[in-house]
């Protein structure tokens, strides 16, 4: 239950002279406004509309998604203003979602005008608690330590895995400008990497949406599933070419990967990602504008809290809302619902944020971490695995690689830095910033014009293409170095004993206890489209892994 509005200060109370001229009923209404004031027009008779504001008693600085409302009244218009904060959506409705300033207090004001011209203005003041910086942020992500172990972890996945493991890819990594990764990485309940995290947040969102809002998400899923799957299929030529390079089975007459061709393939993927992102942003922003006061209050009560503070909703609570959909559409719906909340309660900073393994995703690292979690509700993924195992290939003291080999692996951290964040005019962080800003500009109280939409789409397309070029060039460097290390077994970098040790490390890390028995996930025997198994004889698999698909990536 939301707290009662604060008692009005003497300065905001109605003047005595005015009170003496109104009826007892209106006098009661004035005091019920909880800090608001009512103004009447002497030429208009009747009872002014109710303007008492319901709002949180305290808020966290800069935290989006808090709700405030006044009673819904037929024929009334509403005008909100926020001092030391901003309105997200709802400025002309009976309720708003708002973002408070960083410190101090935020003052909410709503002028309610009836159809007969009578008006009343309610006010409420809410204390702001200054926010603390999240432990997982861009500085941590971009640090040499985080990047070096993450790249080495990808190398480990490539050297000890196979194409099937490379193909395993979480669908939430596609079109990921909604702050969901930041939300889960910084969950105060330490449940962000539990399989139940997405289920709970998504189920809460679907639970509160009405039929027409759910229908909008279903339409989006139906329109996007083909391109979502196309994105996964178009990863295969890159993954397969990187595997051919590692195995030393290059197409006849070629000497290595073509930087230009890898960049081009990566650009195509990111352009598709940008298209999916833009389409989602338009629908998400439209849904925010359609939220009722009750929906804003429900989601507003979740903001600033961790997994343990959210209502315990599960897929069973929303099963009727996804009934009749294909599995791909259900996955899309759950992804959308999680995104809807994290974007609503987030910021450009959280949208731009990414975990270190967001890039270089073609080498099997996600399989290492996530495979045991599939179809196991309540499973917590080991958050230390990347750093712990990554050290095996970037710290020679671990005994798995020579000093020269570790130095070569660590050199990738420097090689990629300009593309990642170092080039002031063209880098991955800047691309994410521009895309995130453009998408978030759609979250407004009034629907954007066609010109506004075209500008956002153009911005997303331009920066998505650059993003793909940069990530493609980095992946070319990763794949080339991984192959040089792996092909050198018995030489300067790796011994056969060390390679055997790496395989044993993989098995140890991926052997988990299920129902009292040990289960080994280290040997991947399937091919995946995201986390769903695909047939090795399917037309798509044969096409996207064919010599025709991979040959053009070599020089």
Protein backbone atom coordinates (compact mmCIF):
# COMPACT_ATOMS: atom_id res chain seq x y z
CA UNK A 1 0.00 0.00 0.00
CA UNK A 2 1.37 3.41 -0.90
CA UNK A 3 1.83 5.84 2.04
CA UNK A 4 -0.56 8.69 2.70
CA UNK A 5 0.46 12.08 1.35
CA UNK A 6 2.42 14.32 3.67
CA UNK A 7 0.59 16.85 5.85
CA UNK A 8 0.62 20.25 4.14
CA UNK A 9 2.94 22.89 5.45
CA UNK A 10 1.33 26.08 6.80
CA UNK A 11 2.47 27.98 3.72
CA UNK A 12 0.50 25.64 1.46
CA UNK A 13 -2.74 25.54 3.48
CA UNK A 14 -5.78 27.40 2.08
CA UNK A 15 -6.33 30.89 3.46
CA UNK A 16 -8.90 31.17 6.29
CA UNK A 17 -10.96 33.71 4.40
CA UNK A 18 -11.45 31.28 1.53
CA UNK A 19 -12.38 28.43 3.83
CA UNK A 20 -15.14 30.49 5.44
CA UNK A 21 -16.87 31.02 2.10
CA UNK A 22 -17.15 27.39 1.05
CA UNK A 23 -19.45 24.59 2.05
CA UNK A 24 -18.62 22.02 4.68
CA UNK A 25 -18.26 19.39 1.95
CA UNK A 26 -15.73 21.46 0.08
CA UNK A 27 -13.91 22.21 3.35
CA UNK A 28 -13.53 18.47 3.89
CA UNK A 29 -12.26 18.03 0.35
CA UNK A 30 -9.64 20.73 0.82
CA UNK A 31 -8.21 19.02 3.86
CA UNK A 32 -8.35 15.63 2.14
CA UNK A 33 -6.03 16.86 -0.59
CA UNK A 34 -2.99 16.04 1.54
CA UNK A 35 -0.80 19.03 0.85
CA UNK A 36 -2.72 20.18 -2.18
CA UNK A 37 -4.67 23.39 -2.58
CA UNK A 38 -7.92 24.10 -4.35
CA UNK A 39 -8.70 27.24 -6.30
CA UNK A 40 -12.22 28.21 -7.37
CA UNK A 41 -13.51 30.64 -9.95
CA UNK A 42 -16.11 32.94 -8.41
CA UNK A 43 -18.08 32.95 -11.66
CA UNK A 44 -18.37 29.15 -11.76
CA UNK A 45 -20.44 27.21 -9.25
CA UNK A 46 -20.06 23.63 -8.15
CA UNK A 47 -17.48 21.44 -6.45
CA UNK A 48 -13.89 21.59 -7.67
CA UNK A 49 -12.39 18.27 -8.78
CA UNK A 50 -10.33 16.15 -6.41
CA UNK A 51 -6.59 16.79 -6.70
CA UNK A 52 -5.01 14.83 -3.84
CA UNK A 53 -1.75 13.27 -5.04
CA UNK A 54 -0.76 9.72 -4.12
CA UNK A 55 3.02 9.33 -4.32
CA UNK A 56 5.89 7.47 -2.61
CA UNK A 57 7.03 8.87 0.74
CA UNK A 58 10.65 8.59 -0.38
CA UNK A 59 12.48 7.91 -3.63
CA UNK A 60 16.01 7.13 -4.78
CA UNK A 61 17.85 9.85 -6.63
CA UNK A 62 17.80 9.45 -10.41
CA UNK A 63 15.76 6.25 -10.25
CA UNK A 64 13.17 6.11 -13.01
CA UNK A 65 9.69 4.62 -12.92
CA UNK A 66 8.17 5.99 -9.72
CA UNK A 67 4.42 6.60 -9.89
CA UNK A 68 2.22 9.47 -8.76
CA UNK A 69 -1.51 9.89 -9.36
CA UNK A 70 -4.67 11.82 -8.59
CA UNK A 71 -8.19 10.38 -8.54
CA UNK A 72 -9.57 9.55 -11.96
CA UNK A 73 -12.56 11.78 -12.75
CA UNK A 74 -14.76 11.76 -15.84
CA UNK A 75 -14.43 14.84 -18.02
CA UNK A 76 -11.37 16.25 -16.23
CA UNK A 77 -8.04 17.32 -17.70
CA UNK A 78 -4.74 17.01 -15.90
CA UNK A 79 -1.54 19.06 -16.03
CA UNK A 80 1.49 17.81 -14.13
CA UNK A 81 4.68 19.60 -13.22
CA UNK A 82 7.67 18.15 -11.39
CA UNK A 83 10.25 20.29 -9.63
CA UNK A 84 13.69 18.68 -9.21
CA UNK A 85 12.70 15.79 -11.43
CA UNK A 86 11.16 14.95 -14.79
CA UNK A 87 7.97 13.38 -16.07
CA UNK A 88 8.56 10.21 -18.09
CA UNK A 89 5.04 9.57 -19.34
CA UNK A 90 1.51 10.65 -18.42
CA UNK A 91 1.89 14.45 -18.18
CA UNK A 92 -1.70 15.01 -19.36
CA UNK A 93 -3.31 12.05 -17.59
CA UNK A 94 -4.38 11.20 -14.06
CA UNK A 95 -1.04 9.53 -13.35
CA UNK A 96 2.62 9.89 -14.21
CA UNK A 97 5.82 7.92 -14.07
CA UNK A 98 8.58 10.26 -12.97
CA UNK A 99 12.30 10.47 -12.31
CA UNK A 100 13.41 12.43 -9.23
CA UNK A 101 16.54 14.54 -9.17
CA UNK A 102 19.75 13.36 -7.53
CA UNK A 103 19.31 14.84 -4.03
CA UNK A 104 17.01 16.97 -1.88
CA UNK A 105 13.28 16.72 -2.46
CA UNK A 106 11.06 16.36 -5.50
CA UNK A 107 7.82 18.34 -5.63
CA UNK A 108 4.91 16.98 -7.66
CA UNK A 109 2.04 19.21 -8.73
CA UNK A 110 -1.12 18.38 -10.68
CA UNK A 111 -3.76 20.85 -11.81
CA UNK A 112 -7.08 19.10 -12.34
CA UNK A 113 -9.74 20.95 -14.34
CA UNK A 114 -13.34 19.80 -14.61
CA UNK A 115 -15.49 19.98 -17.71
CA UNK A 116 -17.32 22.95 -16.18
CA UNK A 117 -14.10 24.93 -15.75
CA UNK A 118 -13.50 24.42 -12.03
CA UNK A 119 -9.92 23.54 -11.14
CA UNK A 120 -7.91 22.39 -8.17
CA UNK A 121 -4.17 21.88 -7.81
CA UNK A 122 -2.67 19.20 -5.61
CA UNK A 123 0.95 19.08 -4.49
CA UNK A 124 3.12 16.50 -2.78
CA UNK A 125 6.74 16.64 -1.72
CA UNK A 126 8.87 13.52 -1.53
CA UNK A 127 12.31 13.11 0.04
CA UNK A 128 15.14 11.87 -2.17
CA UNK A 129 17.71 9.38 -0.93
CA UNK A 130 20.97 9.80 -2.83
CA UNK A 131 21.80 6.77 -4.96
CA UNK A 132 25.08 4.91 -4.64
CA UNK A 133 27.12 3.87 -7.66
CA UNK A 134 26.38 0.25 -8.68
CA UNK A 135 29.29 -2.14 -8.14
CA UNK A 136 29.11 -3.39 -11.71
CA UNK A 137 29.54 -0.40 -14.01
CA UNK A 138 31.31 0.63 -17.19
CA UNK A 139 34.58 1.44 -15.44
CA UNK A 140 34.73 -2.09 -14.06
CA UNK A 141 33.64 -3.59 -17.37
CA UNK A 142 36.25 -1.72 -19.42
CA UNK A 143 39.11 -2.35 -17.02
CA UNK A 144 42.07 -4.26 -18.40
CA UNK A 145 41.59 -6.95 -15.77
CA UNK A 146 37.98 -7.66 -16.69
CA UNK A 147 38.68 -7.51 -20.41
CA UNK A 148 41.79 -9.69 -20.35
CA UNK A 149 40.19 -12.53 -18.40
CA UNK A 150 37.03 -12.32 -20.51
CA UNK A 151 38.92 -12.54 -23.79
CA UNK A 152 41.01 -15.40 -22.41
CA UNK A 153 37.82 -17.15 -21.27
CA UNK A 154 36.54 -16.92 -24.85
CA UNK A 155 39.84 -18.38 -26.04
CA UNK A 156 39.48 -21.18 -23.54
CA UNK A 157 35.97 -21.91 -24.82
CA UNK A 158 37.21 -22.00 -28.40
CA UNK A 159 40.24 -24.21 -27.75
CA UNK A 160 38.39 -26.75 -25.62
CA UNK A 161 35.00 -26.70 -27.35
CA UNK A 162 33.39 -27.21 -30.74
CA UNK A 163 30.98 -25.51 -33.14
CA UNK A 164 27.97 -26.68 -31.15
CA UNK A 165 29.22 -24.96 -28.02
CA UNK A 166 29.98 -21.83 -30.05
CA UNK A 167 26.40 -21.71 -31.30
CA UNK A 168 24.84 -21.52 -27.82
CA UNK A 169 23.79 -17.90 -27.33
CA UNK A 170 21.33 -16.25 -24.88
CA UNK A 171 18.50 -14.50 -26.76
CA UNK A 172 18.73 -11.58 -24.32
CA UNK A 173 22.04 -10.56 -25.89
CA UNK A 174 20.18 -9.49 -29.03
CA UNK A 175 18.85 -5.90 -29.09
CA UNK A 176 20.13 -5.33 -25.57
CA UNK A 177 19.70 -1.57 -25.05
CA UNK A 178 17.17 -1.84 -22.24
CA UNK A 179 19.37 -1.92 -19.13
CA UNK A 180 18.46 -5.50 -18.28
CA UNK A 181 22.08 -6.60 -17.96
CA UNK A 182 22.75 -3.75 -15.54
CA UNK A 183 19.66 -4.68 -13.55
CA UNK A 184 20.66 -8.31 -13.17
CA UNK A 185 24.37 -7.70 -12.57
CA UNK A 186 23.59 -5.31 -9.72
CA UNK A 187 20.72 -7.17 -8.08
CA UNK A 188 21.12 -6.69 -4.33
CA UNK A 189 19.60 -10.13 -3.68
CA UNK A 190 22.43 -11.79 -5.65
CA UNK A 191 19.78 -13.44 -7.82
CA UNK A 192 20.66 -11.66 -11.07
CA UNK A 193 22.32 -14.75 -12.54
CA UNK A 194 19.73 -17.19 -11.30
CA UNK A 195 17.40 -18.63 -13.92
CA UNK A 196 14.43 -17.41 -11.86
CA UNK A 197 15.41 -13.74 -12.22
CA UNK A 198 14.05 -13.19 -15.72
CA UNK A 199 11.05 -15.37 -14.93
CA UNK A 200 10.05 -13.26 -11.92
CA UNK A 201 10.48 -9.83 -13.46
CA UNK A 202 8.85 -10.85 -16.76
CA UNK A 203 5.96 -12.59 -15.03
CA UNK A 204 5.27 -9.47 -12.97
CA UNK A 205 5.13 -7.32 -16.08
CA UNK A 206 2.89 -9.70 -18.02
CA UNK A 207 0.71 -10.08 -14.93
CA UNK A 208 -0.03 -6.35 -14.78
CA UNK A 209 -0.55 -5.81 -18.54
CA UNK A 210 -4.10 -5.78 -19.90
CA UNK A 211 -5.30 -7.76 -22.90
CA UNK A 212 -4.67 -5.05 -25.48
CA UNK A 213 -1.15 -4.45 -24.16
CA UNK A 214 -0.37 -8.17 -24.23
CA UNK A 215 -1.75 -8.26 -27.77
CA UNK A 216 0.76 -5.56 -28.77
CA UNK A 217 3.60 -7.73 -27.50
CA UNK A 218 2.20 -10.78 -29.27
CA UNK A 219 2.07 -8.84 -32.53
CA UNK A 220 5.65 -7.72 -31.99
CA UNK A 221 6.76 -11.29 -31.30
CA UNK A 222 4.97 -12.60 -34.37
CA UNK A 223 6.63 -9.95 -36.54
CA UNK A 224 10.11 -10.37 -35.08
CA UNK A 225 10.61 -14.11 -34.54
CA UNK A 226 11.78 -14.73 -38.10
CA UNK A 227 14.44 -12.01 -37.88
CA UNK A 228 15.45 -13.03 -34.37
CA UNK A 229 16.14 -16.51 -35.69
CA UNK A 230 17.79 -15.09 -38.81
CA UNK A 231 20.20 -13.26 -36.51
CA UNK A 232 21.18 -16.57 -34.90
CA UNK A 233 21.58 -18.30 -38.27
CA UNK A 234 23.76 -15.48 -39.62
CA UNK A 235 26.17 -16.04 -36.74
CA UNK A 236 27.00 -19.51 -38.09
CA UNK A 237 29.29 -18.48 -41.01
CA UNK A 238 31.45 -16.46 -38.62
CA UNK A 239 31.52 -19.23 -36.01
CA UNK A 240 32.29 -21.90 -38.59
CA UNK A 241 35.06 -19.86 -40.25
CA UNK A 242 36.67 -19.23 -36.86
CA UNK A 243 36.53 -22.99 -36.17
CA UNK A 244 38.09 -23.78 -39.56
CA UNK A 245 40.91 -21.36 -38.81
CA UNK A 246 41.52 -22.93 -35.40
CA UNK A 247 41.52 -26.44 -36.83
CA UNK A 248 43.80 -25.46 -39.70
CA UNK A 249 41.28 -26.58 -42.33
CA UNK A 250 41.18 -23.38 -44.36
CA UNK A 251 39.56 -23.34 -47.81
CA UNK A 252 42.01 -24.31 -50.53
CA UNK A 253 44.18 -21.43 -51.68
CA UNK A 254 43.49 -19.18 -48.68
CA UNK A 255 45.91 -18.07 -45.96
CA UNK A 256 43.67 -16.68 -43.25
CA UNK A 257 40.58 -14.69 -42.41
CA UNK A 258 39.79 -11.52 -44.32
CA UNK A 259 39.39 -8.54 -41.99
CA UNK A 260 37.11 -6.78 -44.46
CA UNK A 261 34.89 -9.82 -44.92
CA UNK A 262 34.56 -10.47 -41.17
CA UNK A 263 33.70 -6.81 -40.59
CA UNK A 264 31.09 -6.95 -43.33
CA UNK A 265 29.43 -10.04 -41.88
CA UNK A 266 29.46 -8.47 -38.43
CA UNK A 267 27.98 -5.24 -39.81
CA UNK A 268 25.06 -7.18 -41.30
CA UNK A 269 24.36 -8.74 -37.92
CA UNK A 270 24.42 -5.43 -36.09
CA UNK A 271 22.21 -3.75 -38.67
CA UNK A 272 19.66 -6.50 -38.08
CA UNK A 273 20.11 -6.02 -34.34
CA UNK A 274 19.47 -2.30 -34.78
CA UNK A 275 16.28 -2.96 -36.73
CA UNK A 276 14.99 -5.29 -34.00
CA UNK A 277 15.94 -2.72 -31.34
CA UNK A 278 14.13 0.13 -33.07
CA UNK A 279 10.96 -1.91 -33.57
CA UNK A 280 10.94 -2.90 -29.91
CA UNK A 281 11.55 0.64 -28.68
CA UNK A 282 8.55 1.96 -30.61
CA UNK A 283 6.26 -0.67 -29.09
CA UNK A 284 7.70 -0.36 -25.57
CA UNK A 285 7.32 3.43 -25.55
CA UNK A 286 3.73 3.18 -26.84
CA UNK A 287 2.95 0.72 -24.04
CA UNK A 288 4.32 3.10 -21.42
CA UNK A 289 1.99 5.81 -22.71
CA UNK A 290 -0.94 3.41 -22.36
CA UNK A 291 -0.21 2.44 -18.74
CA UNK A 292 -3.04 3.09 -16.31
CA UNK A 293 -2.55 4.60 -12.88
CA UNK A 294 -2.80 1.15 -11.30
CA UNK A 295 -0.17 -0.26 -13.67
CA UNK A 296 2.20 2.61 -12.95
CA UNK A 297 1.71 2.11 -9.22
CA UNK A 298 2.35 -1.65 -9.52
CA UNK A 299 5.61 -1.19 -11.44
CA UNK A 300 6.54 1.87 -9.41
CA UNK A 301 6.37 -0.22 -6.26
CA UNK A 302 9.02 -2.54 -7.78
CA UNK A 303 11.57 0.12 -8.67
CA UNK A 304 14.65 0.47 -6.54
CA UNK A 305 14.09 -3.00 -5.09
CA UNK A 306 15.85 -6.27 -5.69
CA UNK A 307 14.51 -9.64 -6.79
CA UNK A 308 13.51 -10.49 -3.21
CA UNK A 309 11.38 -7.34 -2.98
CA UNK A 310 9.26 -8.05 -6.06
CA UNK A 311 5.95 -9.93 -5.93
CA UNK A 312 6.52 -13.66 -6.35
CA UNK A 313 4.90 -14.09 -9.75
CA UNK A 314 5.75 -17.10 -11.90
CA UNK A 315 5.02 -18.32 -15.42
CA UNK A 316 1.99 -20.15 -14.01
CA UNK A 317 0.47 -16.78 -13.09
CA UNK A 318 0.65 -15.56 -16.69
CA UNK A 319 0.28 -18.82 -18.62
CA UNK A 320 -3.05 -17.71 -20.08
CA UNK A 321 -1.38 -14.64 -21.60
CA UNK A 322 1.05 -16.71 -23.65
CA UNK A 323 -1.28 -19.60 -24.43
CA UNK A 324 -1.33 -20.65 -28.06
CA UNK A 325 2.01 -19.07 -28.93
CA UNK A 326 4.94 -20.98 -30.40
CA UNK A 327 7.97 -21.61 -28.18
CA UNK A 328 9.93 -18.93 -30.06
CA UNK A 329 7.12 -16.43 -29.49
CA UNK A 330 6.92 -17.26 -25.79
CA UNK A 331 10.69 -16.73 -25.44
CA UNK A 332 10.32 -13.40 -27.23
CA UNK A 333 7.40 -12.39 -24.99
CA UNK A 334 9.34 -13.16 -21.80
CA UNK A 335 12.33 -11.26 -23.15
CA UNK A 336 10.17 -8.27 -24.05
CA UNK A 337 8.53 -8.23 -20.63
CA UNK A 338 11.88 -8.17 -18.85
CA UNK A 339 13.08 -5.41 -21.15
CA UNK A 340 9.89 -3.41 -20.55
CA UNK A 341 10.62 -3.23 -16.85
CA UNK A 342 14.37 -2.60 -16.99
CA UNK A 343 13.98 0.17 -19.60
CA UNK A 344 11.11 1.74 -17.65
CA UNK A 345 13.14 1.74 -14.43
CA UNK A 346 16.50 2.49 -16.03
CA UNK A 347 18.52 5.24 -17.67
CA UNK A 348 20.84 5.86 -20.59
CA UNK A 349 23.69 4.79 -18.30
CA UNK A 350 22.10 1.40 -17.62
CA UNK A 351 21.17 1.02 -21.31
CA UNK A 352 24.76 1.60 -22.44
CA UNK A 353 26.20 -0.77 -19.83
CA UNK A 354 27.31 -4.23 -20.94
CA UNK A 355 29.03 -7.11 -19.24
CA UNK A 356 32.58 -7.78 -20.50
CA UNK A 357 31.48 -10.87 -22.48
CA UNK A 358 28.96 -8.88 -24.55
CA UNK A 359 31.49 -8.86 -27.41
CA UNK A 360 33.45 -11.70 -28.91
CA UNK A 361 30.42 -13.97 -28.58
CA UNK A 362 31.32 -16.50 -31.29
CA UNK A 363 33.70 -18.72 -29.33
CA UNK A 364 31.60 -20.78 -26.91
CA UNK A 365 31.96 -18.91 -23.63
CA UNK A 366 28.21 -18.70 -23.03
CA UNK A 367 27.88 -22.47 -23.32
CA UNK A 368 30.51 -22.86 -20.61
CA UNK A 369 28.51 -20.76 -18.18
CA UNK A 370 24.90 -21.30 -19.16
CA UNK A 371 24.47 -24.84 -20.51
CA UNK A 372 23.87 -26.46 -17.09
CA UNK A 373 21.22 -23.83 -16.33
CA UNK A 374 18.94 -24.63 -19.29
CA UNK A 375 15.62 -26.12 -18.13
CA UNK A 376 16.73 -25.93 -14.51
CA UNK A 377 14.64 -23.32 -12.66
CA UNK A 378 16.43 -21.84 -9.67
CA UNK A 379 19.91 -22.61 -11.02
CA UNK A 380 22.51 -19.93 -10.24
CA UNK A 381 25.22 -19.43 -12.84
CA UNK A 382 28.74 -19.19 -11.44
CA UNK A 383 29.60 -15.48 -11.68
CA UNK A 384 33.28 -16.14 -10.93
CA UNK A 385 33.84 -18.63 -13.76
CA UNK A 386 34.94 -16.07 -16.35
CA UNK A 387 37.62 -14.56 -14.15
CA UNK A 388 38.77 -17.85 -12.62
CA UNK A 389 39.07 -19.85 -15.83
CA UNK A 390 40.15 -16.88 -17.91
CA UNK A 391 43.30 -16.65 -15.83
CA UNK A 392 44.32 -20.08 -17.14
CA UNK A 393 45.24 -18.50 -20.48
CA UNK A 394 46.34 -15.03 -19.43
CA UNK A 395 48.42 -15.86 -16.34
CA UNK A 396 51.27 -18.28 -16.99
CA UNK A 397 51.61 -18.90 -13.24
CA UNK A 398 48.44 -21.00 -13.47
CA UNK A 399 50.48 -23.59 -15.39
CA UNK A 400 48.25 -23.89 -18.47
CA UNK A 401 50.24 -21.68 -20.86
CA UNK A 402 53.76 -20.33 -21.26
CA UNK A 403 54.71 -16.76 -20.41
CA UNK A 404 54.99 -16.02 -24.14
CA UNK A 405 51.54 -17.49 -24.76
CA UNK A 406 49.98 -15.49 -21.91
CA UNK A 407 51.63 -12.32 -23.24
CA UNK A 408 50.16 -12.97 -26.69
CA UNK A 409 46.71 -13.49 -25.19
CA UNK A 410 46.98 -10.37 -23.05
CA UNK A 411 48.08 -8.31 -26.04
CA UNK A 412 44.49 -8.58 -27.33
CA UNK A 413 43.38 -6.29 -24.51
CA UNK A 414 45.50 -3.54 -26.01
CA UNK A 415 44.68 -4.43 -29.62
CA UNK A 416 40.93 -4.09 -29.11
CA UNK A 417 40.96 -1.01 -26.89
CA UNK A 418 40.69 1.65 -29.59
CA UNK A 419 37.61 -0.02 -31.04
CA UNK A 420 36.14 -0.72 -27.62
CA UNK A 421 36.50 2.69 -26.01
CA UNK A 422 39.76 4.41 -27.00
CA UNK A 423 38.95 6.10 -30.31
CA UNK A 424 37.10 9.25 -29.27
CA UNK A 425 35.04 9.52 -32.47
CA UNK A 426 34.34 5.86 -33.25
CA UNK A 427 34.16 3.22 -30.53
CA UNK A 428 31.74 0.60 -29.24
CA UNK A 429 30.82 2.47 -26.06
CA UNK A 430 30.07 5.61 -28.07
CA UNK A 431 27.96 3.61 -30.53
CA UNK A 432 25.93 2.15 -27.66
CA UNK A 433 25.57 5.64 -26.18
CA UNK A 434 24.21 7.11 -29.42
CA UNK A 435 21.85 4.20 -30.01
CA UNK A 436 20.61 4.19 -26.41
CA UNK A 437 19.99 7.93 -26.40
CA UNK A 438 18.07 7.73 -29.67
CA UNK A 439 15.87 4.85 -28.50
CA UNK A 440 15.20 6.37 -25.07
CA UNK A 441 14.12 9.65 -26.68
CA UNK A 442 10.92 7.81 -27.66
CA UNK A 443 9.83 7.60 -24.00
CA UNK A 444 7.65 10.71 -23.87
CA UNK A 445 4.13 11.62 -22.79
CA UNK A 446 3.06 12.31 -26.38
CA UNK A 447 3.63 9.99 -29.31
CA UNK A 448 6.61 10.99 -31.49
CA UNK A 449 5.99 12.41 -34.94
CA UNK A 450 6.85 10.55 -38.13
CA UNK A 451 9.86 12.83 -38.51
CA UNK A 452 11.04 12.02 -34.98
CA UNK A 453 10.70 8.30 -35.63
CA UNK A 454 12.62 8.56 -38.89
CA UNK A 455 15.46 10.41 -37.17
CA UNK A 456 15.67 7.80 -34.41
CA UNK A 457 15.67 4.96 -36.91
CA UNK A 458 18.37 6.64 -39.00
CA UNK A 459 20.56 7.21 -35.94
CA UNK A 460 20.17 3.61 -34.81
CA UNK A 461 21.03 2.31 -38.28
CA UNK A 462 24.12 4.49 -38.67
CA UNK A 463 25.63 3.63 -35.32
CA UNK A 464 24.64 -0.04 -35.52
CA UNK A 465 26.62 -0.38 -38.73
CA UNK A 466 29.68 1.18 -37.11
CA UNK A 467 29.19 -1.03 -34.05
CA UNK A 468 29.28 -4.09 -36.30
CA UNK A 469 32.46 -2.94 -38.04
CA UNK A 470 34.26 -2.40 -34.74
CA UNK A 471 33.16 -5.66 -33.13
CA UNK A 472 33.95 -7.54 -36.35
CA UNK A 473 37.50 -6.20 -36.45
CA UNK A 474 38.02 -7.17 -32.83
CA UNK A 475 36.64 -10.66 -33.43
CA UNK A 476 39.02 -11.10 -36.34
CA UNK A 477 41.88 -10.34 -33.95
CA UNK A 478 40.52 -12.73 -31.31
CA UNK A 479 40.04 -15.62 -33.74
CA UNK A 480 43.47 -15.13 -35.31
CA UNK A 481 45.25 -15.11 -31.96
CA UNK A 482 43.31 -18.09 -30.59
CA UNK A 483 44.28 -20.07 -33.68
CA UNK A 484 47.92 -19.06 -33.45
CA UNK A 485 48.07 -20.26 -29.84
CA UNK A 486 46.20 -23.49 -30.50
CA UNK A 487 48.15 -24.37 -33.65
CA UNK A 488 51.40 -23.91 -31.69
CA UNK A 489 50.95 -26.89 -29.36
CA UNK A 490 54.40 -28.30 -28.73
CA UNK A 491 55.99 -24.99 -29.66
CA UNK A 492 56.43 -21.68 -27.84
CA UNK A 493 52.96 -21.20 -26.38
CA UNK A 494 51.34 -24.49 -25.35
CA UNK A 495 52.45 -28.04 -24.62
CA UNK A 496 50.30 -31.10 -25.23
CA UNK A 497 50.19 -31.63 -21.46
CA UNK A 498 48.87 -28.13 -20.96
CA UNK A 499 46.21 -28.64 -23.62
CA UNK A 500 45.13 -31.82 -21.83
CA UNK A 501 45.00 -29.80 -18.62
CA UNK A 502 42.74 -27.23 -20.24
CA UNK A 503 40.34 -29.99 -21.31
CA UNK A 504 40.29 -31.34 -17.77
CA UNK A 505 39.59 -27.83 -16.44
CA UNK A 506 36.62 -27.56 -18.79
CA UNK A 507 35.22 -30.88 -17.59
CA UNK A 508 35.68 -29.94 -13.95
CA UNK A 509 33.97 -26.57 -14.40
CA UNK A 510 31.02 -28.05 -16.29
CA UNK A 511 30.30 -31.06 -14.11
CA UNK A 512 27.39 -30.28 -11.82
CA UNK A 513 25.22 -32.20 -9.40
CA UNK A 514 21.66 -32.90 -10.49
CA UNK A 515 19.29 -34.95 -8.33
CA UNK A 516 22.24 -36.30 -6.39
CA UNK A 517 24.20 -37.40 -9.48
CA UNK A 518 27.10 -35.77 -11.31
CA UNK A 519 26.30 -34.62 -14.84
CA UNK A 520 29.04 -33.58 -17.29
CA UNK A 521 28.08 -30.85 -19.78
CA UNK A 522 31.58 -30.28 -21.11
CA UNK A 523 31.17 -32.30 -24.31
CA UNK A 524 28.60 -30.48 -26.42
CA UNK A 525 26.85 -32.87 -28.79
CA UNK A 526 24.23 -30.50 -30.21
CA UNK A 527 23.96 -27.45 -32.43
CA UNK A 528 21.88 -24.54 -31.20
CA UNK A 529 19.79 -21.68 -32.41
CA UNK A 530 20.16 -19.59 -29.26
CA UNK A 531 19.43 -22.26 -26.61
CA UNK A 532 17.19 -24.48 -28.76
CA UNK A 533 18.60 -27.59 -30.43
CA UNK A 534 18.61 -27.61 -34.24
CA UNK A 535 18.82 -30.51 -36.64
CA UNK A 536 22.15 -31.11 -38.37
CA UNK A 537 20.21 -32.02 -41.51
CA UNK A 538 18.00 -28.92 -41.60
CA UNK A 539 18.24 -26.79 -44.73
CA UNK A 540 19.20 -23.71 -42.74
CA UNK A 541 21.99 -25.45 -40.85
CA UNK A 542 23.44 -26.94 -44.00
CA UNK A 543 23.24 -23.62 -45.80
CA UNK A 544 24.75 -21.38 -43.12
CA UNK A 545 27.62 -23.80 -42.37
CA UNK A 546 28.39 -24.61 -46.00
CA UNK A 547 31.64 -23.86 -47.81
CA UNK A 548 29.76 -21.26 -49.82
CA UNK A 549 28.76 -19.44 -46.63
CA UNK A 550 32.19 -19.55 -45.00
CA UNK A 551 34.55 -19.39 -47.94
CA UNK A 552 34.05 -15.68 -48.57
CA UNK A 553 35.32 -14.89 -45.08
CA UNK A 554 38.84 -16.01 -46.00
CA UNK A 555 41.52 -14.31 -48.05
